[in-house]
Structure formats: C-alpha cells, structure tokens
Amino acid sequence: MKIKILPFDVILILTILLASLFLMKNYGEKNNAKVSVLANGKRFEYSLQNDGIFNVQGALGKTSFEINNNKIRIIDSPCPNKTCIANGWSNFVVCLPNKVFIQIENSINNHNEVQFDAISD
C-alpha cells in the first residue's frame, strides 16, 4: 500500500508544527515573571529580566542574592550554617535564620504562590 501525500497535508503539518513551536516559546517565556522577596516581614519585588546581585535586610543582617538567566540563588548571608548558599540555583530559596524567602512568581500562573503559616512567619 502506497501513501500519497497531498499539498494540503504538507501545509497542515507545517501549520501544526509552527503553531506548536510558537505556543511552546510563549509558554516557556517568563516576560511577566517577577522575583518576590519576603525579608524580615517586608516584601520586595524585582524583575526576573534584570540580572544582577541584590541585597535585602533580614533579621540577622544583609542577605545577598543573584538573579541570572531566569534563576535565583543566595550568594551571601549572615546565618551560621550557610545552608541557603549551598542550595544553589532554584525557583525558591530560603534563609530561615535570617527570615528571607525569595521566589519566582509568574504573573500568568500565580496559583503557585507560597503561603506562610504561623510557624514559619
């Protein structure tokens, strides 16, 4: 049995392929994403597109974090065990002793917002 490909079939396949690539590109982009920081009870926001090193004041002192390539990490903190620094790059980083919580929030899909309870607050 021989399969015959018609010009309409080629157009249909190309249209589906282009639409898939377009949707994957736009879904994966984080143009509207922001970095939300809760530091010692105060809330700050940074753009995920602004790569750099930023500082926030926590309960024990200054915590430095880096935004780079749509990821975040803590690079310096006054906490005694430095576990937050060792955790590396992530979408959500925490320094519990210094009361600093940093997360990436996507404004398109905001249902993944972290809620803090009475114990962690």
N, C-alpha and C. Protein backbone atom coordinates (compact mmCIF):
# COMPACT_ATOMS: atom_id res chain seq x y z
N MET A 1 0.83 -1.18 0.00
CA MET A 1 0.00 0.00 0.00
C MET A 1 0.88 1.24 0.00
N LYS A 2 0.62 2.14 -0.88
CA LYS A 2 1.40 3.35 -1.04
C LYS A 2 0.63 4.53 -0.45
N ILE A 3 1.33 5.35 0.37
CA ILE A 3 0.70 6.53 0.96
C ILE A 3 1.03 7.73 0.09
N LYS A 4 -0.01 8.44 -0.27
CA LYS A 4 0.17 9.61 -1.13
C LYS A 4 -0.01 10.87 -0.28
N ILE A 5 1.02 11.74 -0.29
CA ILE A 5 0.97 12.98 0.46
C ILE A 5 0.56 14.10 -0.49
N LEU A 6 -0.52 14.74 -0.13
CA LEU A 6 -1.05 15.83 -0.95
C LEU A 6 -0.49 17.17 -0.45
N PRO A 7 -0.52 18.20 -1.29
CA PRO A 7 -0.04 19.53 -0.85
C PRO A 7 -0.76 20.04 0.40
N PHE A 8 -2.04 19.74 0.52
CA PHE A 8 -2.79 20.16 1.71
C PHE A 8 -2.24 19.50 2.96
N ASP A 9 -1.80 18.25 2.86
CA ASP A 9 -1.23 17.54 4.01
C ASP A 9 0.06 18.23 4.49
N VAL A 10 0.89 18.67 3.55
CA VAL A 10 2.14 19.34 3.89
C VAL A 10 1.84 20.67 4.58
N ILE A 11 0.88 21.42 4.04
CA ILE A 11 0.50 22.71 4.64
C ILE A 11 -0.05 22.50 6.05
N LEU A 12 -0.87 21.49 6.23
CA LEU A 12 -1.45 21.19 7.53
C LEU A 12 -0.37 20.82 8.55
N ILE A 13 0.56 19.99 8.14
CA ILE A 13 1.64 19.56 9.04
C ILE A 13 2.52 20.75 9.41
N LEU A 14 2.87 21.58 8.45
CA LEU A 14 3.69 22.76 8.74
C LEU A 14 2.97 23.75 9.64
N THR A 15 1.67 23.93 9.43
CA THR A 15 0.89 24.83 10.28
C THR A 15 0.86 24.33 11.72
N ILE A 16 0.65 23.05 11.91
CA ILE A 16 0.62 22.47 13.26
C ILE A 16 1.99 22.59 13.91
N LEU A 17 3.04 22.34 13.16
CA LEU A 17 4.40 22.44 13.69
C LEU A 17 4.73 23.87 14.11
N LEU A 18 4.42 24.84 13.26
CA LEU A 18 4.69 26.24 13.60
C LEU A 18 3.87 26.71 14.79
N ALA A 19 2.61 26.31 14.84
CA ALA A 19 1.76 26.69 15.98
C ALA A 19 2.30 26.08 17.28
N SER A 20 2.77 24.85 17.22
CA SER A 20 3.33 24.19 18.40
C SER A 20 4.58 24.91 18.88
N LEU A 21 5.46 25.26 17.96
CA LEU A 21 6.68 25.98 18.33
C LEU A 21 6.38 27.34 18.93
N PHE A 22 5.42 28.04 18.34
CA PHE A 22 5.02 29.35 18.85
C PHE A 22 4.45 29.25 20.26
N LEU A 23 3.59 28.27 20.50
CA LEU A 23 3.00 28.10 21.83
C LEU A 23 4.04 27.69 22.86
N MET A 24 4.96 26.81 22.48
CA MET A 24 5.99 26.39 23.43
C MET A 24 6.91 27.56 23.78
N LYS A 25 7.26 28.38 22.80
CA LYS A 25 8.12 29.53 23.06
C LYS A 25 7.44 30.52 23.99
N ASN A 26 6.19 30.86 23.72
CA ASN A 26 5.48 31.83 24.55
C ASN A 26 5.14 31.28 25.92
N TYR A 27 4.86 29.99 26.02
CA TYR A 27 4.55 29.41 27.32
C TYR A 27 5.79 29.35 28.20
N GLY A 28 6.94 29.10 27.59
CA GLY A 28 8.18 28.98 28.35
C GLY A 28 8.78 30.31 28.74
N GLU A 29 8.42 31.40 28.08
CA GLU A 29 8.98 32.70 28.41
C GLU A 29 8.47 33.18 29.75
N LYS A 30 9.31 33.94 30.44
CA LYS A 30 8.93 34.46 31.73
C LYS A 30 8.98 35.98 31.69
N ASN A 31 8.43 36.56 30.62
CA ASN A 31 8.48 38.02 30.47
C ASN A 31 7.74 38.72 31.59
N ASN A 32 6.68 38.13 32.09
CA ASN A 32 5.89 38.76 33.14
C ASN A 32 6.27 38.26 34.52
N ALA A 33 7.29 37.44 34.61
CA ALA A 33 7.67 36.88 35.89
C ALA A 33 8.42 37.91 36.72
N LYS A 34 8.30 37.76 38.02
CA LYS A 34 8.99 38.65 38.94
C LYS A 34 9.59 37.83 40.07
N VAL A 35 10.53 38.42 40.75
CA VAL A 35 11.14 37.80 41.91
C VAL A 35 10.54 38.48 43.13
N SER A 36 9.88 37.69 43.95
CA SER A 36 9.25 38.20 45.15
C SER A 36 10.11 37.85 46.36
N VAL A 37 10.40 38.85 47.17
CA VAL A 37 11.27 38.66 48.33
C VAL A 37 10.51 39.07 49.59
N LEU A 38 10.47 38.18 50.56
CA LEU A 38 9.93 38.49 51.88
C LEU A 38 11.11 38.44 52.84
N ALA A 39 11.52 39.61 53.35
CA ALA A 39 12.69 39.70 54.21
C ALA A 39 12.31 40.37 55.51
N ASN A 40 12.35 39.60 56.58
CA ASN A 40 12.07 40.10 57.92
C ASN A 40 10.73 40.83 57.98
N GLY A 41 9.72 40.28 57.31
CA GLY A 41 8.38 40.84 57.32
C GLY A 41 8.09 41.90 56.27
N LYS A 42 9.09 42.30 55.50
CA LYS A 42 8.89 43.29 54.44
C LYS A 42 8.94 42.61 53.08
N ARG A 43 8.10 43.07 52.16
CA ARG A 43 8.01 42.45 50.83
C ARG A 43 8.62 43.37 49.78
N PHE A 44 9.44 42.76 48.90
CA PHE A 44 10.08 43.47 47.80
C PHE A 44 9.85 42.69 46.51
N GLU A 45 9.87 43.39 45.36
CA GLU A 45 9.72 42.74 44.07
C GLU A 45 10.82 43.22 43.13
N TYR A 46 11.34 42.28 42.35
CA TYR A 46 12.35 42.56 41.35
C TYR A 46 11.92 41.91 40.05
N SER A 47 12.35 42.47 38.93
CA SER A 47 12.06 41.87 37.63
C SER A 47 13.00 40.70 37.40
N LEU A 48 12.48 39.62 36.87
CA LEU A 48 13.30 38.46 36.57
C LEU A 48 14.25 38.73 35.40
N GLN A 49 13.94 39.74 34.60
CA GLN A 49 14.78 40.08 33.45
C GLN A 49 16.00 40.91 33.83
N ASN A 50 16.00 41.50 35.03
CA ASN A 50 17.13 42.33 35.47
C ASN A 50 18.15 41.47 36.21
N ASP A 51 19.09 40.92 35.45
CA ASP A 51 20.14 40.11 36.08
C ASP A 51 21.03 41.00 36.94
N GLY A 52 21.45 40.46 38.06
CA GLY A 52 22.34 41.22 38.93
C GLY A 52 22.35 40.65 40.33
N ILE A 53 23.07 41.33 41.20
CA ILE A 53 23.17 40.96 42.62
C ILE A 53 22.43 42.02 43.43
N PHE A 54 21.57 41.56 44.32
CA PHE A 54 20.72 42.45 45.11
C PHE A 54 20.86 42.10 46.58
N ASN A 55 20.59 43.07 47.44
CA ASN A 55 20.71 42.89 48.89
C ASN A 55 19.39 43.22 49.57
N VAL A 56 19.05 42.44 50.59
CA VAL A 56 17.90 42.72 51.43
C VAL A 56 18.32 42.56 52.89
N GLN A 57 17.68 43.33 53.75
CA GLN A 57 17.98 43.27 55.18
C GLN A 57 17.09 42.24 55.85
N GLY A 58 17.69 41.24 56.45
CA GLY A 58 16.94 40.22 57.18
C GLY A 58 17.04 40.43 58.67
N ALA A 59 16.61 39.46 59.45
CA ALA A 59 16.62 39.57 60.91
C ALA A 59 18.03 39.61 61.48
N LEU A 60 18.98 38.90 60.84
CA LEU A 60 20.35 38.85 61.33
C LEU A 60 21.29 39.82 60.63
N GLY A 61 20.88 40.30 59.47
CA GLY A 61 21.74 41.19 58.71
C GLY A 61 21.41 41.12 57.23
N LYS A 62 22.37 41.51 56.40
CA LYS A 62 22.15 41.63 54.96
C LYS A 62 22.32 40.28 54.27
N THR A 63 21.34 39.93 53.41
CA THR A 63 21.43 38.75 52.56
C THR A 63 21.56 39.21 51.12
N SER A 64 22.54 38.66 50.41
CA SER A 64 22.75 38.98 49.01
C SER A 64 22.25 37.81 48.16
N PHE A 65 21.49 38.14 47.12
CA PHE A 65 21.03 37.10 46.20
C PHE A 65 21.27 37.55 44.78
N GLU A 66 21.34 36.58 43.89
CA GLU A 66 21.63 36.84 42.49
C GLU A 66 20.47 36.38 41.62
N ILE A 67 20.14 37.21 40.64
CA ILE A 67 19.19 36.84 39.59
C ILE A 67 20.01 36.72 38.32
N ASN A 68 19.94 35.56 37.67
CA ASN A 68 20.71 35.36 36.45
C ASN A 68 20.05 34.26 35.62
N ASN A 69 19.77 34.57 34.37
CA ASN A 69 19.25 33.57 33.43
C ASN A 69 17.96 32.93 33.93
N ASN A 70 17.04 33.75 34.45
CA ASN A 70 15.73 33.30 34.94
C ASN A 70 15.83 32.36 36.15
N LYS A 71 16.90 32.47 36.93
CA LYS A 71 17.06 31.68 38.14
C LYS A 71 17.52 32.59 39.27
N ILE A 72 17.39 32.09 40.50
CA ILE A 72 17.83 32.86 41.67
C ILE A 72 18.66 31.97 42.59
N ARG A 73 19.54 32.62 43.35
CA ARG A 73 20.31 31.91 44.38
C ARG A 73 20.78 32.92 45.42
N ILE A 74 20.99 32.43 46.62
CA ILE A 74 21.57 33.27 47.68
C ILE A 74 23.08 33.10 47.61
N ILE A 75 23.78 34.23 47.59
CA ILE A 75 25.25 34.16 47.48
C ILE A 75 25.97 34.56 48.76
N ASP A 76 25.26 35.25 49.68
CA ASP A 76 25.88 35.60 50.95
C ASP A 76 24.79 35.88 51.97
N SER A 77 24.99 35.39 53.19
CA SER A 77 24.02 35.60 54.25
C SER A 77 24.73 35.47 55.60
N PRO A 78 24.24 36.19 56.61
CA PRO A 78 24.90 36.16 57.92
C PRO A 78 24.50 34.94 58.77
N CYS A 79 23.74 34.03 58.24
CA CYS A 79 23.30 32.87 59.02
C CYS A 79 24.49 31.98 59.38
N PRO A 80 24.39 31.25 60.48
CA PRO A 80 25.56 30.48 60.94
C PRO A 80 25.92 29.26 60.09
N ASN A 81 24.94 28.55 59.53
CA ASN A 81 25.27 27.30 58.84
C ASN A 81 25.39 27.41 57.32
N LYS A 82 24.97 28.51 56.70
CA LYS A 82 25.12 28.79 55.27
C LYS A 82 24.48 27.74 54.36
N THR A 83 23.44 27.05 54.84
CA THR A 83 22.73 26.07 54.03
C THR A 83 22.05 26.73 52.83
N CYS A 84 21.58 27.93 53.01
CA CYS A 84 20.91 28.65 51.92
C CYS A 84 21.85 28.89 50.75
N ILE A 85 23.11 29.13 51.02
CA ILE A 85 24.09 29.35 49.96
C ILE A 85 24.41 28.03 49.26
N ALA A 86 24.51 26.98 50.02
CA ALA A 86 24.84 25.66 49.46
C ALA A 86 23.73 25.10 48.58
N ASN A 87 22.50 25.57 48.74
CA ASN A 87 21.39 25.05 47.93
C ASN A 87 21.49 25.43 46.47
N GLY A 88 22.19 26.49 46.13
CA GLY A 88 22.42 26.85 44.73
C GLY A 88 21.21 27.46 44.05
N TRP A 89 21.15 27.28 42.71
CA TRP A 89 20.11 27.89 41.88
C TRP A 89 18.79 27.18 42.04
N SER A 90 17.71 27.97 42.08
CA SER A 90 16.38 27.38 42.25
C SER A 90 15.32 28.42 41.89
N ASN A 91 14.05 28.02 41.96
CA ASN A 91 12.93 28.94 41.80
C ASN A 91 12.46 29.48 43.14
N PHE A 92 12.92 28.86 44.22
CA PHE A 92 12.52 29.26 45.57
C PHE A 92 13.69 29.00 46.50
N VAL A 93 14.21 30.05 47.13
CA VAL A 93 15.33 29.91 48.06
C VAL A 93 14.96 30.56 49.39
N VAL A 94 15.49 29.99 50.46
CA VAL A 94 15.13 30.43 51.81
C VAL A 94 16.37 30.48 52.69
N CYS A 95 16.45 31.53 53.50
CA CYS A 95 17.40 31.58 54.61
C CYS A 95 16.56 31.72 55.87
N LEU A 96 16.29 30.62 56.53
CA LEU A 96 15.40 30.62 57.71
C LEU A 96 15.94 31.44 58.87
N PRO A 97 17.22 31.29 59.26
CA PRO A 97 17.69 32.08 60.40
C PRO A 97 17.58 33.59 60.17
N ASN A 98 17.76 34.03 58.91
CA ASN A 98 17.70 35.45 58.59
C ASN A 98 16.30 35.89 58.16
N LYS A 99 15.36 34.97 58.13
CA LYS A 99 13.96 35.24 57.75
C LYS A 99 13.87 35.89 56.36
N VAL A 100 14.53 35.27 55.37
CA VAL A 100 14.50 35.75 53.99
C VAL A 100 13.95 34.63 53.11
N PHE A 101 12.89 34.93 52.37
CA PHE A 101 12.24 33.99 51.47
C PHE A 101 12.21 34.63 50.08
N ILE A 102 12.76 33.96 49.08
CA ILE A 102 12.84 34.51 47.72
C ILE A 102 12.25 33.48 46.76
N GLN A 103 11.32 33.94 45.92
CA GLN A 103 10.71 33.02 44.96
C GLN A 103 10.43 33.72 43.64
N ILE A 104 10.37 32.93 42.57
CA ILE A 104 9.99 33.43 41.26
C ILE A 104 8.49 33.24 41.13
N GLU A 105 7.80 34.32 40.79
CA GLU A 105 6.36 34.28 40.57
C GLU A 105 6.07 34.62 39.12
N ASN A 106 5.27 33.81 38.47
CA ASN A 106 4.86 34.07 37.10
C ASN A 106 3.47 34.67 37.16
N SER A 107 3.29 35.88 36.63
CA SER A 107 2.00 36.55 36.73
C SER A 107 0.92 35.87 35.92
N ILE A 108 1.29 35.05 34.93
CA ILE A 108 0.29 34.31 34.15
C ILE A 108 -0.28 33.18 34.98
N ASN A 109 0.59 32.54 35.77
CA ASN A 109 0.19 31.37 36.55
C ASN A 109 0.54 31.62 38.01
N ASN A 110 -0.27 32.39 38.69
CA ASN A 110 0.05 32.83 40.04
C ASN A 110 -0.50 31.90 41.11
N HIS A 111 -1.02 30.72 40.75
CA HIS A 111 -1.58 29.83 41.75
C HIS A 111 -0.50 29.09 42.54
N ASN A 112 0.78 29.21 42.15
CA ASN A 112 1.84 28.52 42.87
C ASN A 112 2.47 29.41 43.94
N GLU A 113 1.80 30.46 44.33
CA GLU A 113 2.32 31.36 45.34
C GLU A 113 2.43 30.62 46.67
N VAL A 114 3.54 30.83 47.34
CA VAL A 114 3.79 30.14 48.60
C VAL A 114 3.06 30.86 49.72
N GLN A 115 2.38 30.11 50.54
CA GLN A 115 1.71 30.65 51.70
C GLN A 115 2.51 30.30 52.95
N PHE A 116 2.72 31.25 53.82
CA PHE A 116 3.47 31.01 55.04
C PHE A 116 2.51 30.82 56.20
N ASP A 117 2.81 29.87 57.05
CA ASP A 117 1.94 29.62 58.21
C ASP A 117 2.51 30.36 59.42
N ALA A 118 1.86 30.20 60.56
CA ALA A 118 2.25 30.91 61.77
C ALA A 118 3.62 30.47 62.27
N ILE A 119 4.02 29.24 62.00
CA ILE A 119 5.30 28.75 62.48
C ILE A 119 6.45 29.34 61.67
N SER A 120 6.31 29.39 60.34
CA SER A 120 7.41 29.89 59.51
C SER A 120 7.43 31.40 59.41
N ASP A 121 6.41 32.06 59.89
CA ASP A 121 6.35 33.52 59.85
C ASP A 121 7.01 34.04 61.07
